[in-house]
Structure formats: structure tokens, C-alpha cells
């Protein structure tokens, strides 16, 4: 879900704060975001 939100234009920092996960975790979930 978070990866899909990122693809809609949301920023990783915004998503990490909203969902309580680190930016590093989000990048690990979706290596293609780098």
C-alpha cells in the first residue's frame, strides 16, 4: 500500500511519518524507488 501511495506522488518522508515506519524501511520494500 505504501509503495502504491508513493507511486501516486506522495513523498517517502510524508509516508514514513504518516505510517510510523522509517524511510529506510520504505526503500527496502521498494528498491525501484531509489
PDB file of N, CA and C in Angstrom:
ATOM      1  N   UNK A   1       0.814  -1.192   0.000  1.00  0.00           N
ATOM      2  CA  UNK A   1       0.000   0.000   0.000  1.00  0.00           C
ATOM      3  C   UNK A   1       0.860   1.260   0.000  1.00  0.00           C
ATOM      4  N   UNK A   2       1.866   1.311   0.849  1.00  0.00           N
ATOM      5  CA  UNK A   2       2.716   2.497   0.921  1.00  0.00           C
ATOM      6  C   UNK A   2       3.433   2.720  -0.405  1.00  0.00           C
ATOM      7  N   UNK A   3       3.896   1.641  -1.013  1.00  0.00           N
ATOM      8  CA  UNK A   3       4.587   1.764  -2.297  1.00  0.00           C
ATOM      9  C   UNK A   3       3.634   2.335  -3.353  1.00  0.00           C
ATOM     10  N   UNK A   4       2.395   1.890  -3.341  1.00  0.00           N
ATOM     11  CA  UNK A   4       1.423   2.404  -4.302  1.00  0.00           C
ATOM     12  C   UNK A   4       1.160   3.891  -4.063  1.00  0.00           C
ATOM     13  N   UNK A   5       1.099   4.288  -2.794  1.00  0.00           N
ATOM     14  CA  UNK A   5       0.902   5.710  -2.483  1.00  0.00           C
ATOM     15  C   UNK A   5       2.086   6.533  -2.974  1.00  0.00           C
ATOM     16  N   UNK A   6       3.291   5.985  -2.808  1.00  0.00           N
ATOM     17  CA  UNK A   6       4.477   6.678  -3.305  1.00  0.00           C
ATOM     18  C   UNK A   6       4.369   6.893  -4.818  1.00  0.00           C
ATOM     19  N   UNK A   7       3.908   5.886  -5.512  1.00  0.00           N
ATOM     20  CA  UNK A   7       3.804   5.965  -6.969  1.00  0.00           C
ATOM     21  C   UNK A   7       2.775   7.001  -7.418  1.00  0.00           C
ATOM     22  N   UNK A   8       1.846   7.364  -6.525  1.00  0.00           N
ATOM     23  CA  UNK A   8       0.861   8.386  -6.870  1.00  0.00           C
ATOM     24  C   UNK A   8       1.404   9.796  -6.643  1.00  0.00           C
ATOM     25  N   UNK A   9       2.645   9.884  -6.147  1.00  0.00           N
ATOM     26  CA  UNK A   9       3.266  11.200  -5.977  1.00  0.00           C
ATOM     27  C   UNK A   9       3.540  11.605  -4.545  1.00  0.00           C
ATOM     28  N   UNK A  10       3.188  10.746  -3.595  1.00  0.00           N
ATOM     29  CA  UNK A  10       3.464  11.063  -2.192  1.00  0.00           C
ATOM     30  C   UNK A  10       4.954  10.924  -1.920  1.00  0.00           C
ATOM     31  N   UNK A  11       5.489  11.734  -1.019  1.00  0.00           N
ATOM     32  CA  UNK A  11       6.911  11.695  -0.681  1.00  0.00           C
ATOM     33  C   UNK A  11       7.179  10.641   0.383  1.00  0.00           C
ATOM     34  N   UNK A  12       8.356  10.031   0.293  1.00  0.00           N
ATOM     35  CA  UNK A  12       8.732   8.985   1.244  1.00  0.00           C
ATOM     36  C   UNK A  12       8.711   9.533   2.673  1.00  0.00           C
ATOM     37  N   UNK A  13       9.206  10.730   2.887  1.00  0.00           N
ATOM     38  CA  UNK A  13       9.217  11.319   4.231  1.00  0.00           C
ATOM     39  C   UNK A  13       7.795  11.457   4.771  1.00  0.00           C
ATOM     40  N   UNK A  14       6.892  11.922   3.953  1.00  0.00           N
ATOM     41  CA  UNK A  14       5.490  12.075   4.337  1.00  0.00           C
ATOM     42  C   UNK A  14       4.868  10.731   4.719  1.00  0.00           C
ATOM     43  N   UNK A  15       5.117   9.723   3.901  1.00  0.00           N
ATOM     44  CA  UNK A  15       4.568   8.393   4.163  1.00  0.00           C
ATOM     45  C   UNK A  15       5.168   7.780   5.428  1.00  0.00           C
ATOM     46  N   UNK A  16       6.454   7.996   5.642  1.00  0.00           N
ATOM     47  CA  UNK A  16       7.092   7.415   6.820  1.00  0.00           C
ATOM     48  C   UNK A  16       6.506   8.016   8.095  1.00  0.00           C
ATOM     49  N   UNK A  17       6.240   9.304   8.076  1.00  0.00           N
ATOM     50  CA  UNK A  17       5.638   9.942   9.255  1.00  0.00           C
ATOM     51  C   UNK A  17       4.195   9.482   9.458  1.00  0.00           C
ATOM     52  N   UNK A  18       3.445   9.405   8.381  1.00  0.00           N
ATOM     53  CA  UNK A  18       2.031   9.030   8.467  1.00  0.00           C
ATOM     54  C   UNK A  18       1.835   7.600   8.961  1.00  0.00           C
ATOM     55  N   UNK A  19       2.692   6.679   8.509  1.00  0.00           N
ATOM     56  CA  UNK A  19       2.508   5.265   8.839  1.00  0.00           C
ATOM     57  C   UNK A  19       3.438   4.753   9.925  1.00  0.00           C
ATOM     58  N   UNK A  20       4.317   5.610  10.431  1.00  0.00           N
ATOM     59  CA  UNK A  20       5.177   5.216  11.543  1.00  0.00           C
ATOM     60  C   UNK A  20       6.265   4.225  11.184  1.00  0.00           C
ATOM     61  N   UNK A  21       6.718   4.265   9.939  1.00  0.00           N
ATOM     62  CA  UNK A  21       7.845   3.422   9.530  1.00  0.00           C
ATOM     63  C   UNK A  21       8.964   4.328   9.026  1.00  0.00           C
ATOM     64  N   UNK A  22      10.181   3.844   9.106  1.00  0.00           N
ATOM     65  CA  UNK A  22      11.302   4.671   8.682  1.00  0.00           C
ATOM     66  C   UNK A  22      11.380   4.753   7.162  1.00  0.00           C
ATOM     67  N   UNK A  23      12.031   5.807   6.700  1.00  0.00           N
ATOM     68  CA  UNK A  23      12.251   5.957   5.263  1.00  0.00           C
ATOM     69  C   UNK A  23      13.057   4.786   4.726  1.00  0.00           C
ATOM     70  N   UNK A  24      14.025   4.326   5.500  1.00  0.00           N
ATOM     71  CA  UNK A  24      14.865   3.196   5.090  1.00  0.00           C
ATOM     72  C   UNK A  24      14.003   1.964   4.839  1.00  0.00           C
ATOM     73  N   UNK A  25      13.034   1.732   5.713  1.00  0.00           N
ATOM     74  CA  UNK A  25      12.143   0.580   5.555  1.00  0.00           C
ATOM     75  C   UNK A  25      11.370   0.673   4.249  1.00  0.00           C
ATOM     76  N   UNK A  26      10.848   1.848   3.947  1.00  0.00           N
ATOM     77  CA  UNK A  26      10.095   2.027   2.703  1.00  0.00           C
ATOM     78  C   UNK A  26      10.988   1.751   1.504  1.00  0.00           C
ATOM     79  N   UNK A  27      12.217   2.253   1.540  1.00  0.00           N
ATOM     80  CA  UNK A  27      13.137   1.995   0.426  1.00  0.00           C
ATOM     81  C   UNK A  27      13.476   0.513   0.302  1.00  0.00           C
ATOM     82  N   UNK A  28      13.532  -0.196   1.425  1.00  0.00           N
ATOM     83  CA  UNK A  28      13.796  -1.638   1.366  1.00  0.00           C
ATOM     84  C   UNK A  28      12.618  -2.383   0.762  1.00  0.00           C
ATOM     85  N   UNK A  29      11.405  -1.903   1.037  1.00  0.00           N
ATOM     86  CA  UNK A  29      10.220  -2.548   0.458  1.00  0.00           C
ATOM     87  C   UNK A  29      10.166  -2.360  -1.039  1.00  0.00           C
ATOM     88  N   UNK A  30      10.682  -1.244  -1.515  1.00  0.00           N
ATOM     89  CA  UNK A  30      10.571  -0.937  -2.944  1.00  0.00           C
ATOM     90  C   UNK A  30      11.901  -0.433  -3.476  1.00  0.00           C
ATOM     91  N   UNK A  31      12.828  -1.346  -3.759  1.00  0.00           N
ATOM     92  CA  UNK A  31      14.147  -0.935  -4.265  1.00  0.00           C
ATOM     93  C   UNK A  31      14.078  -0.066  -5.508  1.00  0.00           C
ATOM     94  N   UNK A  32      13.030  -0.189  -6.275  1.00  0.00           N
ATOM     95  CA  UNK A  32      12.907   0.597  -7.510  1.00  0.00           C
ATOM     96  C   UNK A  32      12.701   2.079  -7.225  1.00  0.00           C
ATOM     97  N   UNK A  33      12.419   2.454  -5.981  1.00  0.00           N
ATOM     98  CA  UNK A  33      12.194   3.861  -5.662  1.00  0.00           C
ATOM     99  C   UNK A  33      13.480   4.665  -5.606  1.00  0.00           C
ATOM    100  N   UNK A  34      14.589   3.993  -5.493  1.00  0.00           N
ATOM    101  CA  UNK A  34      15.870   4.704  -5.341  1.00  0.00           C
ATOM    102  C   UNK A  34      16.280   5.428  -6.577  1.00  0.00           C
TER     103      UNK A  34
END
